[in-house]
Amino acid sequence: MPIPEDVTGDEIDADVRQELMSLPKTLAEDVARNLVMVANLLDEEPEQAYAYSRVALRLASRVAAVREAAGFASYATGKYSEALAEFRAARRMTGSVELWPIMADCERGLGRPERALAMAGEPEVQKLDKAGQVEMRLVAAGARKDMGQAEAAVVTLQSPELASNAVQPWTARLRYAYADALLEVGRETEAREWFAKALEADQGGTTNASDRLAELDGVEFTDALEEDAENEVQAEVEVKDEVAEPAEAKDEAKDEVQVEAKDVDEAEPAKDVKDEESGSQG
């Protein structure tokens, strides 16, 4: 896989660099550069990120950071079975529980929401930090919805973190999920209120709360860029038509000249006959 020259591998986190120190220097650099590409492409071009992760995995499958990166790349492309296997491998290597929520979400992706829900009740959840616990709550609520338990999903999301006015990195997503759950059970007024709260906390644009609010308010947005593109296409068509018109007029004029010439040619014999008659009379 091609890697731009300005990607040196030094961009990776210090803890990942520490893990790679167990490898020969040249190999460590190659792995690091591939991991940087995974991180850079994961959101916008997940398939490309996945391809780079496979290269890193082939080079250093015994490095936990590599297995974790491969897991996230697989998860981003919907390869949940692969992702789960990589996350489990990374967890065995490190003993960390931080991947527990995303492992549970992989179970959801594989159509096993009951397993995700069971994981939400395991002791590992208590070892997670606050962000991890909120993430686990979001996964559990999603599993409830997958199982057709919409009311239970609403209850699952009700928590001190949801009630808090403090804005944390996960606040917008938690409020958005709660609003969506409320809407699913027909509590539209409350849903609108929580979509608004989600938008208020969404400083990084991680949700589409503004669109959901507009939808509830019956507001329709027109894509200005699409309109501009359509107008440009229409203008090009009109210009082409204008350019074509003189050519068509020219062809019509040519046809008229040809018709007139034909008429003249047809009139010549009559003139000759008249000349002959005048000569005989003379």
C-alpha atoms as a PDB file:
ATOM      1  CA  MET A   1       0.000   0.000   0.000  1.00  0.00           C
ATOM      2  CA  PRO A   2       1.400   3.445  -0.951  1.00  0.00           C
ATOM      3  CA  ILE A   3       2.211   5.764   1.942  1.00  0.00           C
ATOM      4  CA  PRO A   4       2.890   9.504   1.433  1.00  0.00           C
ATOM      5  CA  GLU A   5       6.441  10.566   2.199  1.00  0.00           C
ATOM      6  CA  ASP A   6       5.284  13.063   4.819  1.00  0.00           C
ATOM      7  CA  VAL A   7       3.860  10.207   6.920  1.00  0.00           C
ATOM      8  CA  THR A   8       6.843   9.267   9.078  1.00  0.00           C
ATOM      9  CA  GLY A   9       5.249   7.141  11.792  1.00  0.00           C
ATOM     10  CA  ASP A  10       6.192   9.623  14.485  1.00  0.00           C
ATOM     11  CA  GLU A  11       2.559  10.778  14.515  1.00  0.00           C
ATOM     12  CA  ILE A  12       1.400   7.787  16.570  1.00  0.00           C
ATOM     13  CA  ASP A  13       0.707   8.006  20.302  1.00  0.00           C
ATOM     14  CA  ALA A  14       3.561   7.505  22.715  1.00  0.00           C
ATOM     15  CA  ASP A  15       2.040   4.359  24.238  1.00  0.00           C
ATOM     16  CA  VAL A  16       1.742   2.754  20.775  1.00  0.00           C
ATOM     17  CA  ARG A  17       5.326   3.734  19.990  1.00  0.00           C
ATOM     18  CA  GLN A  18       6.347   2.058  23.239  1.00  0.00           C
ATOM     19  CA  GLU A  19       4.653  -1.177  22.139  1.00  0.00           C
ATOM     20  CA  LEU A  20       6.429  -1.093  18.787  1.00  0.00           C
ATOM     21  CA  MET A  21       9.831  -0.915  20.481  1.00  0.00           C
ATOM     22  CA  SER A  22       9.698  -4.693  20.766  1.00  0.00           C
ATOM     23  CA  LEU A  23      10.138  -4.863  16.969  1.00  0.00           C
ATOM     24  CA  PRO A  24      13.274  -4.282  14.894  1.00  0.00           C
ATOM     25  CA  LYS A  25      13.629  -0.577  14.119  1.00  0.00           C
ATOM     26  CA  THR A  26      12.872  -0.727  10.373  1.00  0.00           C
ATOM     27  CA  LEU A  27       9.885  -3.010  10.924  1.00  0.00           C
ATOM     28  CA  ALA A  28       8.599  -0.777  13.724  1.00  0.00           C
ATOM     29  CA  GLU A  29       8.758   2.222  11.399  1.00  0.00           C
ATOM     30  CA  ASP A  30       6.824   0.397   8.669  1.00  0.00           C
ATOM     31  CA  VAL A  31       4.140  -0.704  11.113  1.00  0.00           C
ATOM     32  CA  ALA A  32       3.893   2.786  12.597  1.00  0.00           C
ATOM     33  CA  ARG A  33       3.409   4.394   9.180  1.00  0.00           C
ATOM     34  CA  ASN A  34       0.641   1.927   8.329  1.00  0.00           C
ATOM     35  CA  LEU A  35      -1.068   2.603  11.658  1.00  0.00           C
ATOM     36  CA  VAL A  36      -0.958   6.332  10.951  1.00  0.00           C
ATOM     37  CA  MET A  37      -2.672   5.695   7.609  1.00  0.00           C
ATOM     38  CA  VAL A  38      -5.358   3.655   9.377  1.00  0.00           C
ATOM     39  CA  ALA A  39      -6.020   6.518  11.777  1.00  0.00           C
ATOM     40  CA  ASN A  40      -6.040   9.132   9.008  1.00  0.00           C
ATOM     41  CA  LEU A  41      -8.468   7.245   6.756  1.00  0.00           C
ATOM     42  CA  LEU A  42     -10.740   5.549   9.262  1.00  0.00           C
ATOM     43  CA  ASP A  43     -13.552   8.128   9.225  1.00  0.00           C
ATOM     44  CA  GLU A  44     -13.571   9.193   5.581  1.00  0.00           C
ATOM     45  CA  GLU A  45     -12.293   6.127   3.700  1.00  0.00           C
ATOM     46  CA  PRO A  46     -12.770   3.083   5.959  1.00  0.00           C
ATOM     47  CA  GLU A  47     -12.120   0.547   3.193  1.00  0.00           C
ATOM     48  CA  GLN A  48      -8.699   2.074   2.580  1.00  0.00           C
ATOM     49  CA  ALA A  49      -8.053   2.157   6.332  1.00  0.00           C
ATOM     50  CA  TYR A  50      -8.965  -1.525   6.468  1.00  0.00           C
ATOM     51  CA  ALA A  51      -6.435  -2.324   3.730  1.00  0.00           C
ATOM     52  CA  TYR A  52      -3.634  -0.566   5.629  1.00  0.00           C
ATOM     53  CA  SER A  53      -4.644  -2.326   8.840  1.00  0.00           C
ATOM     54  CA  ARG A  54      -4.242  -5.692   7.128  1.00  0.00           C
ATOM     55  CA  VAL A  55      -0.704  -4.725   6.126  1.00  0.00           C
ATOM     56  CA  ALA A  56       0.133  -3.750   9.712  1.00  0.00           C
ATOM     57  CA  LEU A  57      -1.458  -6.962  10.958  1.00  0.00           C
ATOM     58  CA  ARG A  58       0.645  -9.040   8.586  1.00  0.00           C
ATOM     59  CA  LEU A  59       3.794  -7.286   9.803  1.00  0.00           C
ATOM     60  CA  ALA A  60       3.135  -7.344  13.554  1.00  0.00           C
ATOM     61  CA  SER A  61       0.177  -9.459  14.627  1.00  0.00           C
ATOM     62  CA  ARG A  62       1.575  -9.887  18.151  1.00  0.00           C
ATOM     63  CA  VAL A  63       1.363  -6.185  18.962  1.00  0.00           C
ATOM     64  CA  ALA A  64      -1.830  -5.285  20.821  1.00  0.00           C
ATOM     65  CA  ALA A  65      -2.079  -1.818  19.247  1.00  0.00           C
ATOM     66  CA  VAL A  66      -2.002  -3.394  15.794  1.00  0.00           C
ATOM     67  CA  ARG A  67      -4.781  -5.857  16.686  1.00  0.00           C
ATOM     68  CA  GLU A  68      -6.826  -2.992  18.106  1.00  0.00           C
ATOM     69  CA  ALA A  69      -6.341  -0.852  14.973  1.00  0.00           C
ATOM     70  CA  ALA A  70      -7.320  -3.815  12.811  1.00  0.00           C
ATOM     71  CA  GLY A  71     -10.420  -4.232  14.961  1.00  0.00           C
ATOM     72  CA  PHE A  72     -11.519  -0.634  14.534  1.00  0.00           C
ATOM     73  CA  ALA A  73     -10.920  -0.780  10.775  1.00  0.00           C
ATOM     74  CA  SER A  74     -12.976  -3.976  10.503  1.00  0.00           C
ATOM     75  CA  TYR A  75     -15.718  -2.438  12.649  1.00  0.00           C
ATOM     76  CA  ALA A  76     -15.828   0.677  10.448  1.00  0.00           C
ATOM     77  CA  THR A  77     -16.396  -1.468   7.347  1.00  0.00           C
ATOM     78  CA  GLY A  78     -19.095  -3.609   8.951  1.00  0.00           C
ATOM     79  CA  LYS A  79     -16.900  -6.717   9.284  1.00  0.00           C
ATOM     80  CA  TYR A  80     -18.122  -7.349  12.819  1.00  0.00           C
ATOM     81  CA  SER A  81     -16.895 -10.923  13.147  1.00  0.00           C
ATOM     82  CA  GLU A  82     -13.340  -9.898  12.239  1.00  0.00           C
ATOM     83  CA  ALA A  83     -13.563  -6.851  14.483  1.00  0.00           C
ATOM     84  CA  LEU A  84     -14.700  -8.919  17.458  1.00  0.00           C
ATOM     85  CA  ALA A  85     -11.857 -11.406  16.957  1.00  0.00           C
ATOM     86  CA  GLU A  86      -9.277  -8.598  16.834  1.00  0.00           C
ATOM     87  CA  PHE A  87     -10.689  -6.833  19.897  1.00  0.00           C
ATOM     88  CA  ARG A  88     -10.678 -10.093  21.849  1.00  0.00           C
ATOM     89  CA  ALA A  89      -7.056 -10.686  20.853  1.00  0.00           C
ATOM     90  CA  ALA A  90      -6.077  -7.154  21.936  1.00  0.00           C
ATOM     91  CA  ARG A  91      -7.868  -7.636  25.250  1.00  0.00           C
ATOM     92  CA  ARG A  92      -6.069 -10.925  25.914  1.00  0.00           C
ATOM     93  CA  MET A  93      -2.743  -9.202  25.280  1.00  0.00           C
ATOM     94  CA  THR A  94      -3.370  -6.188  27.494  1.00  0.00           C
ATOM     95  CA  GLY A  95      -5.954  -7.328  30.029  1.00  0.00           C
ATOM     96  CA  SER A  96      -7.726  -3.981  29.527  1.00  0.00           C
ATOM     97  CA  VAL A  97     -11.538  -3.708  29.572  1.00  0.00           C
ATOM     98  CA  GLU A  98     -11.737  -0.450  27.590  1.00  0.00           C
ATOM     99  CA  LEU A  99     -12.819  -2.319  24.430  1.00  0.00           C
ATOM    100  CA  TRP A 100     -15.736  -3.994  26.210  1.00  0.00           C
ATOM    101  CA  PRO A 101     -18.476  -1.633  24.889  1.00  0.00           C
ATOM    102  CA  ILE A 102     -17.385  -1.873  21.262  1.00  0.00           C
ATOM    103  CA  MET A 103     -17.089  -5.646  21.587  1.00  0.00           C
ATOM    104  CA  ALA A 104     -20.697  -5.664  22.776  1.00  0.00           C
ATOM    105  CA  ASP A 105     -21.689  -3.500  19.819  1.00  0.00           C
ATOM    106  CA  CYS A 106     -20.039  -6.022  17.493  1.00  0.00           C
ATOM    107  CA  GLU A 107     -22.414  -8.597  18.950  1.00  0.00           C
ATOM    108  CA  ARG A 108     -25.263  -6.308  17.966  1.00  0.00           C
ATOM    109  CA  GLY A 109     -23.810  -6.014  14.474  1.00  0.00           C
ATOM    110  CA  LEU A 110     -23.761  -9.809  14.237  1.00  0.00           C
ATOM    111  CA  GLY A 111     -27.471  -9.915  15.085  1.00  0.00           C
ATOM    112  CA  ARG A 112     -26.966 -11.053  18.689  1.00  0.00           C
ATOM    113  CA  PRO A 113     -28.394  -8.201  20.803  1.00  0.00           C
ATOM    114  CA  GLU A 114     -29.080 -10.543  23.707  1.00  0.00           C
ATOM    115  CA  ARG A 115     -25.324 -11.173  24.034  1.00  0.00           C
ATOM    116  CA  ALA A 116     -24.654  -7.437  23.989  1.00  0.00           C
ATOM    117  CA  LEU A 117     -27.223  -6.997  26.740  1.00  0.00           C
ATOM    118  CA  ALA A 118     -25.629  -9.775  28.783  1.00  0.00           C
ATOM    119  CA  MET A 119     -22.240  -8.066  28.458  1.00  0.00           C
ATOM    120  CA  ALA A 120     -23.793  -4.871  29.840  1.00  0.00           C
ATOM    121  CA  GLY A 121     -24.396  -6.743  33.103  1.00  0.00           C
ATOM    122  CA  GLU A 122     -20.902  -8.214  33.446  1.00  0.00           C
ATOM    123  CA  PRO A 123     -18.409  -7.090  36.152  1.00  0.00           C
ATOM    124  CA  GLU A 124     -16.136  -5.637  33.447  1.00  0.00           C
ATOM    125  CA  VAL A 125     -18.528  -2.694  33.096  1.00  0.00           C
ATOM    126  CA  GLN A 126     -17.745  -1.556  36.642  1.00  0.00           C
ATOM    127  CA  LYS A 127     -14.069  -1.357  35.706  1.00  0.00           C
ATOM    128  CA  LEU A 128     -14.747   1.075  32.856  1.00  0.00           C
ATOM    129  CA  ASP A 129     -14.201   4.804  33.248  1.00  0.00           C
ATOM    130  CA  LYS A 130     -17.187   7.146  33.053  1.00  0.00           C
ATOM    131  CA  ALA A 131     -16.968   7.494  29.261  1.00  0.00           C
ATOM    132  CA  GLY A 132     -16.824   3.719  28.880  1.00  0.00           C
ATOM    133  CA  GLN A 133     -19.840   3.223  31.136  1.00  0.00           C
ATOM    134  CA  VAL A 134     -21.856   5.739  29.133  1.00  0.00           C
ATOM    135  CA  GLU A 135     -20.819   3.977  25.935  1.00  0.00           C
ATOM    136  CA  MET A 136     -21.942   0.660  27.415  1.00  0.00           C
ATOM    137  CA  ARG A 137     -25.297   2.198  28.313  1.00  0.00           C
ATOM    138  CA  LEU A 138     -25.720   3.389  24.713  1.00  0.00           C
ATOM    139  CA  VAL A 139     -24.960  -0.099  23.413  1.00  0.00           C
ATOM    140  CA  ALA A 140     -27.391  -1.677  25.886  1.00  0.00           C
ATOM    141  CA  ALA A 141     -30.153   0.722  24.846  1.00  0.00           C
ATOM    142  CA  GLY A 142     -29.446  -0.104  21.210  1.00  0.00           C
ATOM    143  CA  ALA A 143     -29.708  -3.814  22.020  1.00  0.00           C
ATOM    144  CA  ARG A 144     -33.077  -3.205  23.675  1.00  0.00           C
ATOM    145  CA  LYS A 145     -34.310  -1.466  20.526  1.00  0.00           C
ATOM    146  CA  ASP A 146     -32.975  -4.322  18.374  1.00  0.00           C
ATOM    147  CA  MET A 147     -35.094  -6.694  20.458  1.00  0.00           C
ATOM    148  CA  GLY A 148     -38.206  -4.546  20.013  1.00  0.00           C
ATOM    149  CA  GLN A 149     -38.119  -3.232  23.583  1.00  0.00           C
ATOM    150  CA  ALA A 150     -38.423   0.483  22.836  1.00  0.00           C
ATOM    151  CA  GLU A 151     -39.759   1.469  26.268  1.00  0.00           C
ATOM    152  CA  ALA A 152     -36.945  -0.419  27.956  1.00  0.00           C
ATOM    153  CA  ALA A 153     -34.440   1.458  25.786  1.00  0.00           C
ATOM    154  CA  VAL A 154     -35.787   4.754  27.150  1.00  0.00           C
ATOM    155  CA  VAL A 155     -35.402   3.535  30.729  1.00  0.00           C
ATOM    156  CA  THR A 156     -31.876   2.212  30.047  1.00  0.00           C
ATOM    157  CA  LEU A 157     -30.690   5.658  28.964  1.00  0.00           C
ATOM    158  CA  GLN A 158     -32.079   7.440  32.038  1.00  0.00           C
ATOM    159  CA  SER A 159     -29.067   8.036  34.253  1.00  0.00           C
ATOM    160  CA  PRO A 160     -27.248  10.677  36.329  1.00  0.00           C
ATOM    161  CA  GLU A 161     -25.061  11.394  33.283  1.00  0.00           C
ATOM    162  CA  LEU A 162     -28.165  12.194  31.228  1.00  0.00           C
ATOM    163  CA  ALA A 163     -29.576  14.462  33.927  1.00  0.00           C
ATOM    164  CA  SER A 164     -26.318  16.360  34.418  1.00  0.00           C
ATOM    165  CA  ASN A 165     -26.008  19.854  32.962  1.00  0.00           C
ATOM    166  CA  ALA A 166     -22.247  19.439  32.579  1.00  0.00           C
ATOM    167  CA  VAL A 167     -21.106  18.904  28.998  1.00  0.00           C
ATOM    168  CA  GLN A 168     -18.719  16.008  28.467  1.00  0.00           C
ATOM    169  CA  PRO A 169     -17.396  14.513  25.191  1.00  0.00           C
ATOM    170  CA  TRP A 170     -20.173  11.924  25.297  1.00  0.00           C
ATOM    171  CA  THR A 171     -23.023  14.230  26.386  1.00  0.00           C
ATOM    172  CA  ALA A 172     -24.356  15.046  22.905  1.00  0.00           C
ATOM    173  CA  ARG A 173     -24.511  11.396  21.853  1.00  0.00           C
ATOM    174  CA  LEU A 174     -26.240  10.349  25.069  1.00  0.00           C
ATOM    175  CA  ARG A 175     -28.868  13.080  24.776  1.00  0.00           C
ATOM    176  CA  TYR A 176     -29.364  12.322  21.080  1.00  0.00           C
ATOM    177  CA  ALA A 177     -29.878   8.611  21.771  1.00  0.00           C
ATOM    178  CA  TYR A 178     -32.405   9.444  24.480  1.00  0.00           C
ATOM    179  CA  ALA A 179     -34.298  11.810  22.164  1.00  0.00           C
ATOM    180  CA  ASP A 180     -34.374   9.151  19.453  1.00  0.00           C
ATOM    181  CA  ALA A 181     -35.665   6.563  21.918  1.00  0.00           C
ATOM    182  CA  LEU A 182     -38.393   8.948  23.101  1.00  0.00           C
ATOM    183  CA  LEU A 183     -39.458   9.594  19.525  1.00  0.00           C
ATOM    184  CA  GLU A 184     -39.726   5.878  18.851  1.00  0.00           C
ATOM    185  CA  VAL A 185     -42.269   5.464  21.662  1.00  0.00           C
ATOM    186  CA  GLY A 186     -44.301   8.451  20.466  1.00  0.00           C
ATOM    187  CA  ARG A 187     -43.181  11.049  23.025  1.00  0.00           C
ATOM    188  CA  GLU A 188     -42.539  13.687  20.361  1.00  0.00           C
ATOM    189  CA  THR A 189     -42.601  16.806  22.547  1.00  0.00           C
ATOM    190  CA  GLU A 190     -40.002  15.382  24.940  1.00  0.00           C
ATOM    191  CA  ALA A 191     -37.970  14.097  22.000  1.00  0.00           C
ATOM    192  CA  ARG A 192     -37.815  17.582  20.505  1.00  0.00           C
ATOM    193  CA  GLU A 193     -36.620  18.970  23.843  1.00  0.00           C
ATOM    194  CA  TRP A 194     -33.797  16.414  24.055  1.00  0.00           C
ATOM    195  CA  PHE A 195     -32.761  16.843  20.438  1.00  0.00           C
ATOM    196  CA  ALA A 196     -32.385  20.542  21.264  1.00  0.00           C
ATOM    197  CA  LYS A 197     -30.287  19.679  24.318  1.00  0.00           C
ATOM    198  CA  ALA A 198     -28.156  17.361  22.200  1.00  0.00           C
ATOM    199  CA  LEU A 199     -27.576  20.131  19.671  1.00  0.00           C
ATOM    200  CA  GLU A 200     -26.603  22.504  22.465  1.00  0.00           C
ATOM    201  CA  ALA A 201     -23.907  20.068  23.643  1.00  0.00           C
ATOM    202  CA  ASP A 202     -22.782  18.973  20.177  1.00  0.00           C
ATOM    203  CA  GLN A 203     -19.792  21.253  19.737  1.00  0.00           C
ATOM    204  CA  GLY A 204     -17.983  18.841  17.424  1.00  0.00           C
ATOM    205  CA  GLY A 205     -20.892  18.074  15.114  1.00  0.00           C
ATOM    206  CA  THR A 206     -20.992  14.384  16.060  1.00  0.00           C
ATOM    207  CA  THR A 207     -24.780  14.098  15.650  1.00  0.00           C
ATOM    208  CA  ASN A 208     -27.391  15.326  13.193  1.00  0.00           C
ATOM    209  CA  ALA A 209     -29.546  16.766  15.960  1.00  0.00           C
ATOM    210  CA  SER A 210     -30.184  19.957  13.967  1.00  0.00           C
ATOM    211  CA  ASP A 211     -31.630  17.956  11.077  1.00  0.00           C
ATOM    212  CA  ARG A 212     -33.844  15.947  13.410  1.00  0.00           C
ATOM    213  CA  LEU A 213     -35.139  19.146  15.000  1.00  0.00           C
ATOM    214  CA  ALA A 214     -35.900  20.633  11.600  1.00  0.00           C
ATOM    215  CA  GLU A 215     -37.703  17.441  10.617  1.00  0.00           C
ATOM    216  CA  LEU A 216     -39.883  17.615  13.716  1.00  0.00           C
ATOM    217  CA  ASP A 217     -40.614  21.277  12.978  1.00  0.00           C
ATOM    218  CA  GLY A 218     -41.540  20.493   9.375  1.00  0.00           C
ATOM    219  CA  VAL A 219     -38.657  22.515   7.953  1.00  0.00           C
ATOM    220  CA  GLU A 220     -37.145  21.380   4.652  1.00  0.00           C
ATOM    221  CA  PHE A 221     -33.629  22.379   3.659  1.00  0.00           C
ATOM    222  CA  THR A 222     -32.445  22.785   0.087  1.00  0.00           C
ATOM    223  CA  ASP A 223     -28.865  21.960  -0.733  1.00  0.00           C
ATOM    224  CA  ALA A 224     -27.434  25.224  -2.082  1.00  0.00           C
ATOM    225  CA  LEU A 225     -24.512  23.415  -3.706  1.00  0.00           C
ATOM    226  CA  GLU A 226     -26.857  21.114  -5.620  1.00  0.00           C
ATOM    227  CA  GLU A 227     -28.916  24.098  -6.742  1.00  0.00           C
ATOM    228  CA  ASP A 228     -25.797  25.894  -7.975  1.00  0.00           C
ATOM    229  CA  ALA A 229     -24.709  22.784  -9.868  1.00  0.00           C
ATOM    230  CA  GLU A 230     -28.136  22.480 -11.501  1.00  0.00           C
ATOM    231  CA  ASN A 231     -28.086  26.151 -12.462  1.00  0.00           C
ATOM    232  CA  GLU A 232     -24.632  25.773 -14.012  1.00  0.00           C
ATOM    233  CA  VAL A 233     -25.787  22.774 -16.053  1.00  0.00           C
ATOM    234  CA  GLN A 234     -28.858  24.687 -17.241  1.00  0.00           C
ATOM    235  CA  ALA A 235     -26.707  27.677 -18.199  1.00  0.00           C
ATOM    236  CA  GLU A 236     -24.395  25.420 -20.201  1.00  0.00           C
ATOM    237  CA  VAL A 237     -27.373  23.924 -22.035  1.00  0.00           C
ATOM    238  CA  GLU A 238     -28.713  27.381 -22.875  1.00  0.00           C
ATOM    239  CA  VAL A 239     -25.312  28.512 -24.156  1.00  0.00           C
ATOM    240  CA  LYS A 240     -25.062  25.429 -26.359  1.00  0.00           C
ATOM    241  CA  ASP A 241     -28.533  26.120 -27.727  1.00  0.00           C
ATOM    242  CA  GLU A 242     -27.569  29.713 -28.514  1.00  0.00           C
ATOM    243  CA  VAL A 243     -24.418  28.554 -30.284  1.00  0.00           C
ATOM    244  CA  ALA A 244     -26.386  25.987 -32.255  1.00  0.00           C
ATOM    245  CA  GLU A 245     -29.016  28.468 -33.458  1.00  0.00           C
ATOM    246  CA  PRO A 246     -26.752  30.472 -35.845  1.00  0.00           C
ATOM    247  CA  ALA A 247     -25.566  27.217 -37.399  1.00  0.00           C
ATOM    248  CA  GLU A 248     -29.148  26.120 -37.922  1.00  0.00           C
ATOM    249  CA  ALA A 249     -29.976  29.544 -39.411  1.00  0.00           C
ATOM    250  CA  LYS A 250     -26.992  29.230 -41.712  1.00  0.00           C
ATOM    251  CA  ASP A 251     -28.182  25.811 -42.883  1.00  0.00           C
ATOM    252  CA  GLU A 252     -31.662  27.189 -43.514  1.00  0.00           C
ATOM    253  CA  ALA A 253     -30.215  30.097 -45.550  1.00  0.00           C
ATOM    254  CA  LYS A 254     -28.121  27.646 -47.545  1.00  0.00           C
ATOM    255  CA  ASP A 255     -31.196  25.578 -48.277  1.00  0.00           C
ATOM    256  CA  GLU A 256     -33.055  28.694 -49.455  1.00  0.00           C
ATOM    257  CA  VAL A 257     -30.205  29.622 -51.823  1.00  0.00           C
ATOM    258  CA  GLN A 258     -30.192  26.105 -53.226  1.00  0.00           C
ATOM    259  CA  VAL A 259     -33.959  26.265 -53.801  1.00  0.00           C
ATOM    260  CA  GLU A 260     -33.621  29.624 -55.580  1.00  0.00           C
ATOM    261  CA  ALA A 261     -30.815  28.299 -57.754  1.00  0.00           C
ATOM    262  CA  LYS A 262     -32.943  25.310 -58.640  1.00  0.00           C
ATOM    263  CA  ASP A 263     -35.810  27.613 -59.610  1.00  0.00           C
ATOM    264  CA  VAL A 264     -33.462  29.625 -61.846  1.00  0.00           C
ATOM    265  CA  ASP A 265     -32.154  26.473 -63.492  1.00  0.00           C
ATOM    266  CA  GLU A 266     -35.678  25.294 -64.188  1.00  0.00           C
ATOM    267  CA  ALA A 267     -36.566  28.728 -65.695  1.00  0.00           C
ATOM    268  CA  GLU A 268     -33.616  28.771 -68.215  1.00  0.00           C
ATOM    269  CA  PRO A 269     -35.122  26.426 -70.850  1.00  0.00           C
ATOM    270  CA  ALA A 270     -38.207  28.658 -71.187  1.00  0.00           C
ATOM    271  CA  LYS A 271     -35.932  31.602 -71.922  1.00  0.00           C
ATOM    272  CA  ASP A 272     -34.118  29.623 -74.619  1.00  0.00           C
ATOM    273  CA  VAL A 273     -37.414  28.728 -76.312  1.00  0.00           C
ATOM    274  CA  LYS A 274     -38.415  32.367 -76.366  1.00  0.00           C
ATOM    275  CA  ASP A 275     -35.092  33.310 -77.937  1.00  0.00           C
ATOM    276  CA  GLU A 276     -35.555  30.664 -80.649  1.00  0.00           C
ATOM    277  CA  GLU A 277     -39.047  31.977 -81.456  1.00  0.00           C
ATOM    278  CA  SER A 278     -37.700  35.530 -81.785  1.00  0.00           C
ATOM    279  CA  GLY A 279     -34.998  34.294 -84.179  1.00  0.00           C
ATOM    280  CA  SER A 280     -37.433  32.494 -86.477  1.00  0.00           C
ATOM    281  CA  GLN A 281     -39.631  35.551 -86.668  1.00  0.00           C
ATOM    282  CA  GLY A 282     -36.666  37.600 -87.672  1.00  0.00           C
END
